[in-house]
Each structure stands twice: as structure tokens, then as C-alpha cells.
């Protein structure tokens, strides 16, 4: 059985695109996805700190900014989703990413993840705000107070750190990162055609 892992951070627009694109692909090839929430800021701090300077320089260039927003819009149209660019991006993702594990325990990881993506990238809501997150939790069937208590649990904090550390140890440097059968790594939404080719080859 092919193993397909998807390491993701909910505050990355490219991850939102890949999250949307990989699900029908996995279904087509009969492969289950192992969803691996992690903290992309922790990855950057460990292995990709130069990204911060590059990102700041890129978004001070109007040509690059304009093209980046067009590229996102083109991909969003292809995936059938709405993506805007929050004026306050990037936000602190710790609480919303801890929320993935609380949602997973309740069996609603995918609805929760999609709802956070839609809130942040579709409606420009601040998903670092506990009120926003509590409303999302309630929307997917979770108790607001239990959710907010859950994201403070040490076990939840440890699971997020463990996934983040594991991705770093396995050679990852951003989100989304996809692994096929443990070692075959792909980074980025635009690598999904390569992921599909690998899945097709394994099925053949």
C-alpha cells in the first residue's frame, strides 16, 4: 500500500491550493492521505531563515507582488476556491495549528482545516485570534470552550512540535511538503503533477 503524507500549515496559500488539489488525486489512485500538521515558522527558523529577507524584498517589488497575486488567482480559479491576501499576513499560526490536533481527536480534522483555510485566505479573518478560532471550531461541530482548552494542552503542543521537528529531520523546508513511501519528497503546490505521476507509476 502506497503511503502518502501531507505536511501542512494552514497559513500558507500554496498549501491551501495543494490541500484542495491532492484530495481528489489521492481518491483517484486509491491512496489514503496521512495529514501531518506542522508549524512552518518553526521550520523556517531552523533551516530557512533567509526566506524572511527574501519575502520582504519580494513584496517591496511591485512587479513581483503583482505577479504573485495573479499567480495565486490563477491557481485558485483552477482549484475552484477563493484566495485573497490578508493585509496582516503573516499571522502567528501556533493556535490554529494546535487546533488541528484537537479537531483530529474529534474526527473533524479535514473540515476544520478547510474552514481555517477559508477563513484566512477566503475572508481575510485573523486566525491567530481565539474568538475567530472558537467560531470555526463551533462551525465544524466542536465545543468552543473545549476547543480553546484543548489547544493549551501539553500533549497537543508536543504533537505540533514533534511533527515540525520530524519534517526538519527528514529534509523538509516549507509547506506543503509531501512524502510518498517515506523518502520520496515533493515541496510545493506546483509539484502535484509530479506527485500524481509517481502515484500513477506505483499503481501501474
Protein backbone atom coordinates (compact mmCIF):
# COMPACT_ATOMS: atom_id res chain seq x y z
CA UNK A 1 0.00 0.00 0.00
CA UNK A 2 1.41 3.38 -1.02
CA UNK A 3 1.97 5.76 1.88
CA UNK A 4 1.15 9.43 1.19
CA UNK A 5 1.99 12.05 3.83
CA UNK A 6 0.97 15.71 3.60
CA UNK A 7 2.79 18.09 5.95
CA UNK A 8 0.91 21.36 6.06
CA UNK A 9 0.49 24.75 7.70
CA UNK A 10 -2.89 26.48 7.44
CA UNK A 11 -1.38 29.96 6.99
CA UNK A 12 0.24 29.18 3.62
CA UNK A 13 -1.81 29.98 0.48
CA UNK A 14 0.13 27.50 -1.61
CA UNK A 15 -0.71 24.85 0.96
CA UNK A 16 -4.41 25.72 0.67
CA UNK A 17 -4.13 25.11 -3.07
CA UNK A 18 -2.32 21.81 -2.59
CA UNK A 19 -4.72 20.72 0.16
CA UNK A 20 -7.56 21.21 -2.29
CA UNK A 21 -5.78 19.53 -5.20
CA UNK A 22 -4.33 16.46 -3.51
CA UNK A 23 -7.58 15.07 -2.14
CA UNK A 24 -9.24 14.14 -5.46
CA UNK A 25 -5.87 12.88 -6.71
CA UNK A 26 -5.46 10.54 -3.76
CA UNK A 27 -9.02 9.32 -4.20
CA UNK A 28 -8.41 8.67 -7.90
CA UNK A 29 -5.39 6.48 -7.12
CA UNK A 30 -6.93 4.80 -4.09
CA UNK A 31 -4.42 6.18 -1.59
CA UNK A 32 -5.19 7.43 1.91
CA UNK A 33 -3.57 10.70 2.96
CA UNK A 34 -1.77 10.98 6.29
CA UNK A 35 -2.38 14.57 7.35
CA UNK A 36 0.65 15.97 9.23
CA UNK A 37 0.03 19.47 10.65
CA UNK A 38 3.23 21.32 11.47
CA UNK A 39 4.42 24.84 12.18
CA UNK A 40 6.07 26.26 9.09
CA UNK A 41 7.54 29.16 11.05
CA UNK A 42 9.43 26.65 13.17
CA UNK A 43 10.81 25.06 10.01
CA UNK A 44 11.89 28.44 8.62
CA UNK A 45 13.58 29.38 11.89
CA UNK A 46 15.54 26.14 11.86
CA UNK A 47 16.58 25.71 8.24
CA UNK A 48 15.33 28.58 6.06
CA UNK A 49 15.77 31.87 7.92
CA UNK A 50 16.87 33.66 4.76
CA UNK A 51 13.30 33.30 3.49
CA UNK A 52 12.16 36.19 5.67
CA UNK A 53 14.52 38.65 3.99
CA UNK A 54 13.70 37.27 0.54
CA UNK A 55 9.97 37.55 1.18
CA UNK A 56 10.27 41.13 2.44
CA UNK A 57 12.37 42.09 -0.60
CA UNK A 58 9.98 40.38 -2.99
CA UNK A 59 6.90 42.13 -1.65
CA UNK A 60 8.59 45.52 -1.82
CA UNK A 61 8.84 44.98 -5.58
CA UNK A 62 5.50 45.86 -7.16
CA UNK A 63 6.15 43.73 -10.24
CA UNK A 64 6.84 40.62 -8.16
CA UNK A 65 3.90 41.34 -5.87
CA UNK A 66 1.57 41.84 -8.80
CA UNK A 67 2.65 38.63 -10.45
CA UNK A 68 2.44 36.65 -7.20
CA UNK A 69 -1.15 37.77 -6.66
CA UNK A 70 -2.01 36.95 -10.27
CA UNK A 71 -0.41 33.52 -9.90
CA UNK A 72 -2.46 32.84 -6.77
CA UNK A 73 -5.64 33.98 -8.51
CA UNK A 74 -4.92 31.73 -11.49
CA UNK A 75 -4.32 28.71 -9.25
CA UNK A 76 -7.37 29.50 -7.11
CA UNK A 77 -9.54 29.64 -10.22
CA UNK A 78 -8.16 26.27 -11.32
CA UNK A 79 -8.89 24.74 -7.90
CA UNK A 80 -12.31 26.35 -7.62
CA UNK A 81 -11.58 28.27 -4.41
CA UNK A 82 -11.33 31.90 -3.32
CA UNK A 83 -7.97 33.33 -2.26
CA UNK A 84 -7.37 36.88 -1.15
CA UNK A 85 -4.26 38.29 0.55
CA UNK A 86 -4.83 39.38 4.17
CA UNK A 87 -3.28 42.76 4.86
CA UNK A 88 -1.95 41.40 8.17
CA UNK A 89 -0.24 38.32 6.70
CA UNK A 90 1.69 36.52 8.10
CA UNK A 91 -0.04 35.77 11.41
CA UNK A 92 1.09 33.65 14.32
CA UNK A 93 -0.09 30.17 13.35
CA UNK A 94 0.55 28.39 16.65
CA UNK A 95 -3.03 28.33 17.96
CA UNK A 96 -4.73 27.39 14.71
CA UNK A 97 -2.18 24.64 14.10
CA UNK A 98 -2.61 23.24 17.60
CA UNK A 99 -6.30 23.23 16.81
CA UNK A 100 -5.66 20.62 14.12
CA UNK A 101 -4.86 18.03 16.78
CA UNK A 102 -7.94 18.89 18.84
CA UNK A 103 -10.03 18.59 15.68
CA UNK A 104 -8.33 15.33 14.75
CA UNK A 105 -9.21 13.81 18.12
CA UNK A 106 -12.86 14.66 17.41
CA UNK A 107 -12.75 13.26 13.87
CA UNK A 108 -13.13 16.62 12.12
CA UNK A 109 -9.57 17.43 11.06
CA UNK A 110 -10.39 17.95 7.39
CA UNK A 111 -13.49 20.12 7.94
CA UNK A 112 -11.55 22.17 10.50
CA UNK A 113 -8.54 22.58 8.22
CA UNK A 114 -10.71 23.63 5.29
CA UNK A 115 -12.64 26.06 7.49
CA UNK A 116 -9.43 27.72 8.71
CA UNK A 117 -8.12 27.98 5.15
CA UNK A 118 -11.40 29.53 4.01
CA UNK A 119 -11.50 31.96 6.94
CA UNK A 120 -7.93 33.19 6.47
CA UNK A 121 -7.44 33.02 2.72
CA UNK A 122 -11.04 33.40 1.58
CA UNK A 123 -12.36 36.03 4.03
CA UNK A 124 -9.14 37.52 5.49
CA UNK A 125 -10.08 36.66 9.08
CA UNK A 126 -7.33 36.70 11.69
CA UNK A 127 -6.94 33.03 12.60
CA UNK A 128 -4.50 33.87 15.38
CA UNK A 129 -7.48 35.33 17.27
CA UNK A 130 -9.09 32.91 19.73
CA UNK A 131 -12.56 34.28 19.02
CA UNK A 132 -12.18 33.57 15.31
CA UNK A 133 -10.86 30.08 16.02
CA UNK A 134 -13.64 29.33 18.51
CA UNK A 135 -16.23 30.29 15.89
CA UNK A 136 -14.55 28.00 13.35
CA UNK A 137 -14.47 25.18 15.89
CA UNK A 138 -18.17 25.61 16.59
CA UNK A 139 -18.90 25.66 12.85
CA UNK A 140 -17.34 22.20 12.42
CA UNK A 141 -19.16 20.75 15.42
CA UNK A 142 -16.69 21.31 18.26
CA UNK A 143 -17.48 22.86 21.61
CA UNK A 144 -15.92 26.33 21.72
CA UNK A 145 -14.68 26.17 25.30
CA UNK A 146 -13.39 22.62 24.98
CA UNK A 147 -11.53 23.58 21.81
CA UNK A 148 -9.87 26.60 23.43
CA UNK A 149 -8.89 24.49 26.42
CA UNK A 150 -7.62 21.77 24.11
CA UNK A 151 -5.13 23.97 22.30
CA UNK A 152 -3.41 24.73 25.61
CA UNK A 153 -2.84 21.06 26.49
CA UNK A 154 0.80 20.00 26.70
CA UNK A 155 0.11 16.87 24.65
CA UNK A 156 -1.21 19.00 21.79
CA UNK A 157 1.78 21.34 21.99
CA UNK A 158 4.12 18.36 21.95
CA UNK A 159 2.46 16.79 18.90
CA UNK A 160 2.81 20.01 16.90
CA UNK A 161 6.46 20.33 17.88
CA UNK A 162 7.10 16.66 17.08
CA UNK A 163 5.66 16.96 13.57
CA UNK A 164 7.65 20.14 12.95
CA UNK A 165 10.88 18.57 14.18
CA UNK A 166 10.23 15.43 12.16
CA UNK A 167 9.79 17.39 8.95
CA UNK A 168 13.07 19.19 9.55
CA UNK A 169 14.86 15.92 10.28
CA UNK A 170 13.51 14.41 7.06
CA UNK A 171 14.83 17.26 4.91
CA UNK A 172 11.74 19.46 4.66
CA UNK A 173 11.99 23.24 4.48
CA UNK A 174 8.46 24.56 4.00
CA UNK A 175 4.77 23.91 3.43
CA UNK A 176 3.29 21.94 1.83
CA UNK A 177 5.71 19.02 1.87
CA UNK A 178 4.57 15.67 0.55
CA UNK A 179 6.23 12.30 1.03
CA UNK A 180 5.49 9.13 -0.89
CA UNK A 181 6.51 5.95 0.90
CA UNK A 182 8.52 7.82 3.48
CA UNK A 183 11.50 9.06 1.47
CA UNK A 184 10.29 10.45 -1.87
CA UNK A 185 9.80 14.17 -1.05
CA UNK A 186 7.94 16.85 -3.02
CA UNK A 187 7.66 20.51 -1.99
CA UNK A 188 5.02 22.94 -3.11
CA UNK A 189 1.64 23.07 -4.78
CA UNK A 190 3.22 23.14 -8.23
CA UNK A 191 4.74 19.70 -7.63
CA UNK A 192 1.37 17.97 -7.54
CA UNK A 193 1.70 16.83 -11.18
CA UNK A 194 4.93 15.06 -10.15
CA UNK A 195 3.16 13.51 -7.17
CA UNK A 196 0.43 12.28 -9.49
CA UNK A 197 2.99 10.83 -11.90
CA UNK A 198 4.61 8.94 -9.03
CA UNK A 199 1.27 7.60 -7.82
CA UNK A 200 0.38 6.55 -11.35
CA UNK A 201 3.67 4.71 -11.71
CA UNK A 202 3.16 2.90 -8.42
CA UNK A 203 -0.32 1.82 -9.40
CA UNK A 204 0.99 0.51 -12.73
